[in-house]
Amino acid sequence: MSQYSHAIPIEHNLPPGPLWPHKHTLEELREIEKSDDSIYSSQYIQDPHKKDGNIFKIEWWGYYTILPPDYEWKAVFCDTALKKEEHNDYTVFQCWAKYNGRIYLIDQYREKILASDLKREFIEFWNKHKGTAVQPNRGAYVEDKASGIQLIQDIQKEGGIPITPVPREKSKVFRANNLVNWIKSGLLLLPESADFIYDYKQEFKKFSPLMTHKHDDQIDPTLDAIEHMLVVGPEITDNADEKNRRKPIAPSRGARLW
């Protein structure tokens, strides 16, 4: 053979769904995935990963049931894609809120859409999470690349929504290793009952330094939220009379807040 096919996608005409439905139905496969996703990933979809996660460990995530009503501010973070075919990435919008030195994931949009639909979907998500004078939405942060460039230009031209281009100059793996301690320290909280949380955590769990994972669209906007809301974003002190703003100290490895 002049070439070998390892890790090269091979086209097939198989219908979507279980390969052997008489052995395991789709519902049964979902139950296997939930009970032990590492076995499911390696034996059923040929995508092995460490049981507790690669860079991001599953037990590091914090959760909340009710968003603190007096959160300080929020922002939207976006990772955009160009096409909606099966192998293409997802477009992801995330809304995060800041409260008492931590950030809370409020909501997420994750779909495969055409670039022509991007602006409409973004505005709908933004309108859903408009801030108030007391709890402002400080703006949207969009990757300054590909379809994100056009979205930034369109929104800036129309005005009304504060939008900031995000130049992601470092690699995804570099950013993940640089920011993982903020997650490890319990500073990110997820909505416990949200229907997207299982897939969200699985994507982080499967994220590999070798970039062998299938998708990582939810990771970039989360890392952007850490950078802009925890690392370089303004920190409003708990004392209402205190007017000074400070930058938080980066958490040390293994630090805990409780």
Protein backbone atom coordinates (compact mmCIF):
# COMPACT_ATOMS: atom_id res chain seq x y z
CA MET A 1 0.00 0.00 0.00
CA SER A 2 1.26 3.47 -0.85
CA GLN A 3 -0.77 4.95 1.98
CA TYR A 4 -2.22 3.74 5.23
CA SER A 5 -5.62 4.79 6.47
CA HIS A 6 -4.98 5.26 10.21
CA ALA A 7 -6.82 8.38 11.43
CA ILE A 8 -7.99 9.18 7.90
CA PRO A 9 -11.81 9.41 7.60
CA ILE A 10 -13.22 6.73 5.30
CA GLU A 11 -16.41 7.58 3.44
CA HIS A 12 -19.29 5.15 3.91
CA ASN A 13 -22.97 4.94 3.04
CA LEU A 14 -24.16 3.68 6.41
CA PRO A 15 -27.31 5.35 7.75
CA PRO A 16 -27.05 7.37 10.96
CA GLY A 17 -27.72 5.51 14.19
CA PRO A 18 -26.50 2.31 15.84
CA LEU A 19 -24.34 0.09 13.65
CA TRP A 20 -25.86 -3.08 15.16
CA PRO A 21 -29.33 -2.13 16.51
CA HIS A 22 -30.20 -5.79 17.26
CA LYS A 23 -27.34 -5.81 19.77
CA HIS A 24 -27.84 -2.34 21.28
CA THR A 25 -30.59 0.15 20.51
CA LEU A 26 -29.84 3.87 20.47
CA GLU A 27 -31.48 4.21 23.91
CA GLU A 28 -29.32 1.41 25.30
CA LEU A 29 -26.18 3.01 23.88
CA ARG A 30 -27.09 6.31 25.57
CA GLU A 31 -27.41 4.48 28.90
CA ILE A 32 -24.00 2.83 28.37
CA GLU A 33 -22.50 6.24 27.63
CA LYS A 34 -23.97 7.74 30.81
CA SER A 35 -22.85 4.84 33.01
CA ASP A 36 -19.24 4.77 31.76
CA ASP A 37 -18.48 7.14 28.91
CA SER A 38 -14.79 6.15 28.73
CA ILE A 39 -15.73 2.57 27.83
CA TYR A 40 -18.42 3.83 25.48
CA SER A 41 -15.99 6.20 23.75
CA SER A 42 -13.25 3.62 23.27
CA GLN A 43 -15.34 0.55 22.38
CA TYR A 44 -18.29 2.03 20.53
CA ILE A 45 -17.05 5.20 18.81
CA GLN A 46 -13.30 4.52 18.73
CA ASP A 47 -12.45 7.73 20.58
CA PRO A 48 -10.64 6.72 23.80
CA HIS A 49 -9.92 9.23 26.54
CA LYS A 50 -8.91 9.18 30.19
CA LYS A 51 -11.74 8.29 32.52
CA ASP A 52 -11.34 11.42 34.67
CA GLY A 53 -10.40 13.73 31.80
CA ASN A 54 -7.20 14.84 30.08
CA ILE A 55 -6.40 18.49 30.86
CA PHE A 56 -9.77 19.21 32.49
CA LYS A 57 -10.93 16.87 35.25
CA ILE A 58 -14.64 16.20 35.60
CA GLU A 59 -14.65 16.68 39.38
CA TRP A 60 -13.34 20.26 39.19
CA TRP A 61 -16.64 21.77 38.07
CA GLY A 62 -18.86 23.58 40.53
CA TYR A 63 -22.64 23.81 40.21
CA TYR A 64 -25.49 26.07 41.18
CA THR A 65 -29.27 25.61 41.24
CA ILE A 66 -30.31 29.27 41.48
CA LEU A 67 -28.31 32.12 39.96
CA PRO A 68 -27.45 34.69 42.66
CA PRO A 69 -30.04 37.45 42.09
CA ASP A 70 -27.54 40.18 42.96
CA TYR A 71 -24.82 39.15 40.53
CA GLU A 72 -22.65 42.10 39.48
CA TRP A 73 -22.54 41.95 35.68
CA LYS A 74 -22.58 39.59 32.74
CA ALA A 75 -21.18 39.21 29.23
CA VAL A 76 -21.57 37.06 26.13
CA PHE A 77 -18.70 35.07 24.59
CA CYS A 78 -18.85 33.64 21.09
CA ASP A 79 -17.13 31.04 18.94
CA THR A 80 -18.42 31.08 15.38
CA ALA A 81 -18.30 28.56 12.54
CA LEU A 82 -18.88 28.83 8.80
CA LYS A 83 -20.94 25.81 7.74
CA LYS A 84 -23.49 23.32 9.04
CA GLU A 85 -22.27 20.00 7.62
CA GLU A 86 -21.82 17.04 9.98
CA HIS A 87 -18.01 17.36 10.16
CA ASN A 88 -18.02 21.12 10.72
CA ASP A 89 -17.73 22.85 14.08
CA TYR A 90 -20.61 24.34 16.02
CA THR A 91 -21.36 27.99 16.58
CA VAL A 92 -21.45 28.65 20.32
CA PHE A 93 -22.71 31.63 22.33
CA GLN A 94 -22.31 31.60 26.11
CA CYS A 95 -23.63 34.08 28.66
CA TRP A 96 -21.64 34.29 31.93
CA ALA A 97 -22.35 36.29 35.09
CA LYS A 98 -19.86 37.53 37.70
CA TYR A 99 -20.60 37.29 41.42
CA ASN A 100 -18.28 37.43 44.43
CA GLY A 101 -15.15 36.52 42.50
CA ARG A 102 -16.68 33.61 40.60
CA ILE A 103 -18.36 33.32 37.21
CA TYR A 104 -21.62 31.50 36.50
CA LEU A 105 -22.60 30.03 33.14
CA ILE A 106 -26.18 31.27 32.64
CA ASP A 107 -27.03 29.95 29.20
CA GLN A 108 -25.54 28.52 26.02
CA TYR A 109 -26.48 28.36 22.34
CA ARG A 110 -24.76 25.62 20.32
CA GLU A 111 -25.85 24.85 16.78
CA LYS A 112 -24.45 24.18 13.32
CA ILE A 113 -25.66 27.11 11.23
CA LEU A 114 -24.85 28.87 7.98
CA ALA A 115 -22.79 32.05 8.10
CA SER A 116 -25.79 33.88 6.66
CA ASP A 117 -27.83 32.99 9.77
CA LEU A 118 -25.13 33.97 12.27
CA LYS A 119 -26.14 37.59 12.79
CA ARG A 120 -29.81 36.76 13.35
CA GLU A 121 -29.04 34.01 15.88
CA PHE A 122 -26.52 36.20 17.71
CA ILE A 123 -28.94 39.13 18.07
CA GLU A 124 -31.67 36.78 19.33
CA PHE A 125 -29.31 35.38 21.98
CA TRP A 126 -28.14 38.88 22.95
CA ASN A 127 -31.71 40.15 23.33
CA LYS A 128 -32.48 37.16 25.54
CA HIS A 129 -29.72 38.24 27.92
CA LYS A 130 -29.90 42.01 27.86
CA GLY A 131 -28.61 43.57 31.04
CA THR A 132 -30.05 46.27 33.24
CA ALA A 133 -28.63 49.45 34.74
CA VAL A 134 -27.98 47.58 37.98
CA GLN A 135 -26.76 44.34 36.38
CA PRO A 136 -25.33 45.37 33.02
CA ASN A 137 -24.38 43.13 30.15
CA ARG A 138 -20.98 44.61 29.42
CA GLY A 139 -20.86 43.34 25.87
CA ALA A 140 -20.09 40.49 23.53
CA TYR A 141 -16.65 39.06 22.87
CA VAL A 142 -16.25 37.42 19.46
CA GLU A 143 -13.22 35.68 17.98
CA ASP A 144 -11.68 37.96 15.36
CA LYS A 145 -11.48 35.23 12.74
CA ALA A 146 -13.45 33.67 9.87
CA SER A 147 -17.21 34.32 10.18
CA GLY A 148 -16.61 36.20 13.44
CA ILE A 149 -15.00 39.05 11.49
CA GLN A 150 -18.16 39.68 9.48
CA LEU A 151 -20.35 39.45 12.57
CA ILE A 152 -18.18 42.00 14.39
CA GLN A 153 -18.30 44.40 11.44
CA ASP A 154 -22.08 44.06 11.02
CA ILE A 155 -22.83 44.66 14.70
CA GLN A 156 -20.39 47.57 14.95
CA LYS A 157 -21.94 49.17 11.85
CA GLU A 158 -25.47 48.95 13.24
CA GLY A 159 -24.49 49.93 16.79
CA GLY A 160 -26.49 49.21 19.91
CA ILE A 161 -24.51 46.18 21.07
CA PRO A 162 -21.02 46.66 22.53
CA ILE A 163 -18.90 44.05 20.77
CA THR A 164 -15.19 43.35 21.22
CA PRO A 165 -12.98 41.42 18.78
CA VAL A 166 -10.98 38.69 20.51
CA PRO A 167 -7.62 37.86 18.91
CA ARG A 168 -6.80 34.33 20.06
CA GLU A 169 -3.10 34.43 19.33
CA LYS A 170 -2.10 31.44 21.43
CA SER A 171 -2.99 27.84 20.63
CA LYS A 172 -6.02 26.26 22.25
CA VAL A 173 -3.82 23.80 24.18
CA PHE A 174 -1.58 26.62 25.46
CA ARG A 175 -4.60 28.60 26.63
CA ALA A 176 -6.13 25.53 28.27
CA ASN A 177 -2.97 24.76 30.25
CA ASN A 178 -2.58 28.42 31.18
CA LEU A 179 -6.13 28.84 32.48
CA VAL A 180 -7.03 25.41 33.84
CA ASN A 181 -6.25 26.36 37.46
CA TRP A 182 -9.14 28.83 37.50
CA ILE A 183 -11.46 25.89 36.90
CA LYS A 184 -9.56 23.66 39.32
CA SER A 185 -9.94 26.31 42.02
CA GLY A 186 -13.73 26.20 41.82
CA LEU A 187 -14.22 29.63 40.28
CA LEU A 188 -16.53 28.46 37.45
CA LEU A 189 -20.05 27.27 38.26
CA LEU A 190 -22.44 25.49 35.89
CA PRO A 191 -26.25 25.38 36.00
CA GLU A 192 -26.92 21.98 37.52
CA SER A 193 -30.14 21.18 35.64
CA ALA A 194 -29.39 22.70 32.20
CA ASP A 195 -29.91 20.26 29.35
CA PHE A 196 -26.60 21.18 27.69
CA ILE A 197 -24.36 20.50 30.70
CA TYR A 198 -23.67 16.82 30.01
CA ASP A 199 -22.32 17.50 26.50
CA TYR A 200 -20.48 20.57 27.79
CA LYS A 201 -18.59 18.58 30.42
CA GLN A 202 -17.89 15.72 28.02
CA GLU A 203 -16.26 18.11 25.57
CA PHE A 204 -13.93 19.42 28.27
CA LYS A 205 -13.23 15.91 29.52
CA LYS A 206 -12.26 14.65 26.04
CA PHE A 207 -10.14 17.70 25.17
CA SER A 208 -6.70 16.28 24.42
CA PRO A 209 -3.29 18.00 24.13
CA LEU A 210 -2.84 15.91 20.98
CA MET A 211 -5.99 17.49 19.50
CA THR A 212 -7.51 14.05 18.84
CA HIS A 213 -10.94 15.10 20.12
CA LYS A 214 -13.81 15.72 17.72
CA HIS A 215 -15.11 19.13 18.84
CA ASP A 216 -13.91 21.88 21.17
CA ASP A 217 -16.27 24.76 20.30
CA GLN A 218 -17.53 25.19 23.88
CA ILE A 219 -14.01 25.44 25.28
CA ASP A 220 -12.84 28.64 23.57
CA PRO A 221 -15.68 30.91 24.78
CA THR A 222 -15.29 29.48 28.29
CA LEU A 223 -11.57 30.29 28.24
CA ASP A 224 -12.44 33.76 26.93
CA ALA A 225 -14.82 34.22 29.88
CA ILE A 226 -12.03 33.28 32.31
CA GLU A 227 -9.62 35.71 30.67
CA HIS A 228 -12.01 38.67 30.51
CA MET A 229 -13.99 38.15 33.72
CA LEU A 230 -11.40 36.69 36.10
CA VAL A 231 -7.87 37.29 34.81
CA VAL A 232 -7.99 40.80 33.30
CA GLY A 233 -11.56 41.90 33.96
CA PRO A 234 -12.34 44.49 36.66
CA GLU A 235 -13.14 43.10 40.07
CA ILE A 236 -15.81 45.02 42.02
CA THR A 237 -15.29 44.65 45.74
CA ASP A 238 -18.06 43.50 48.07
CA ASN A 239 -17.94 46.84 49.95
CA ALA A 240 -20.42 49.14 48.20
CA ASP A 241 -18.46 52.20 49.37
CA GLU A 242 -15.24 50.93 47.86
CA LYS A 243 -14.69 52.58 44.47
CA ASN A 244 -11.35 51.05 43.65
CA ARG A 245 -11.19 48.10 41.33
CA ARG A 246 -8.56 45.39 41.57
CA LYS A 247 -7.40 42.46 39.54
CA PRO A 248 -7.84 39.06 41.15
CA ILE A 249 -4.77 37.03 42.08
CA ALA A 250 -4.35 33.99 39.87
CA PRO A 251 -5.11 30.82 41.81
CA SER A 252 -2.22 28.61 42.77
CA ARG A 253 -2.23 24.96 41.68
CA GLY A 254 -4.55 22.98 43.85
CA ALA A 255 -6.05 26.02 45.60
CA ARG A 256 -9.57 25.62 46.94
CA LEU A 257 -12.15 28.13 48.07
CA TRP A 258 -13.89 25.90 50.59
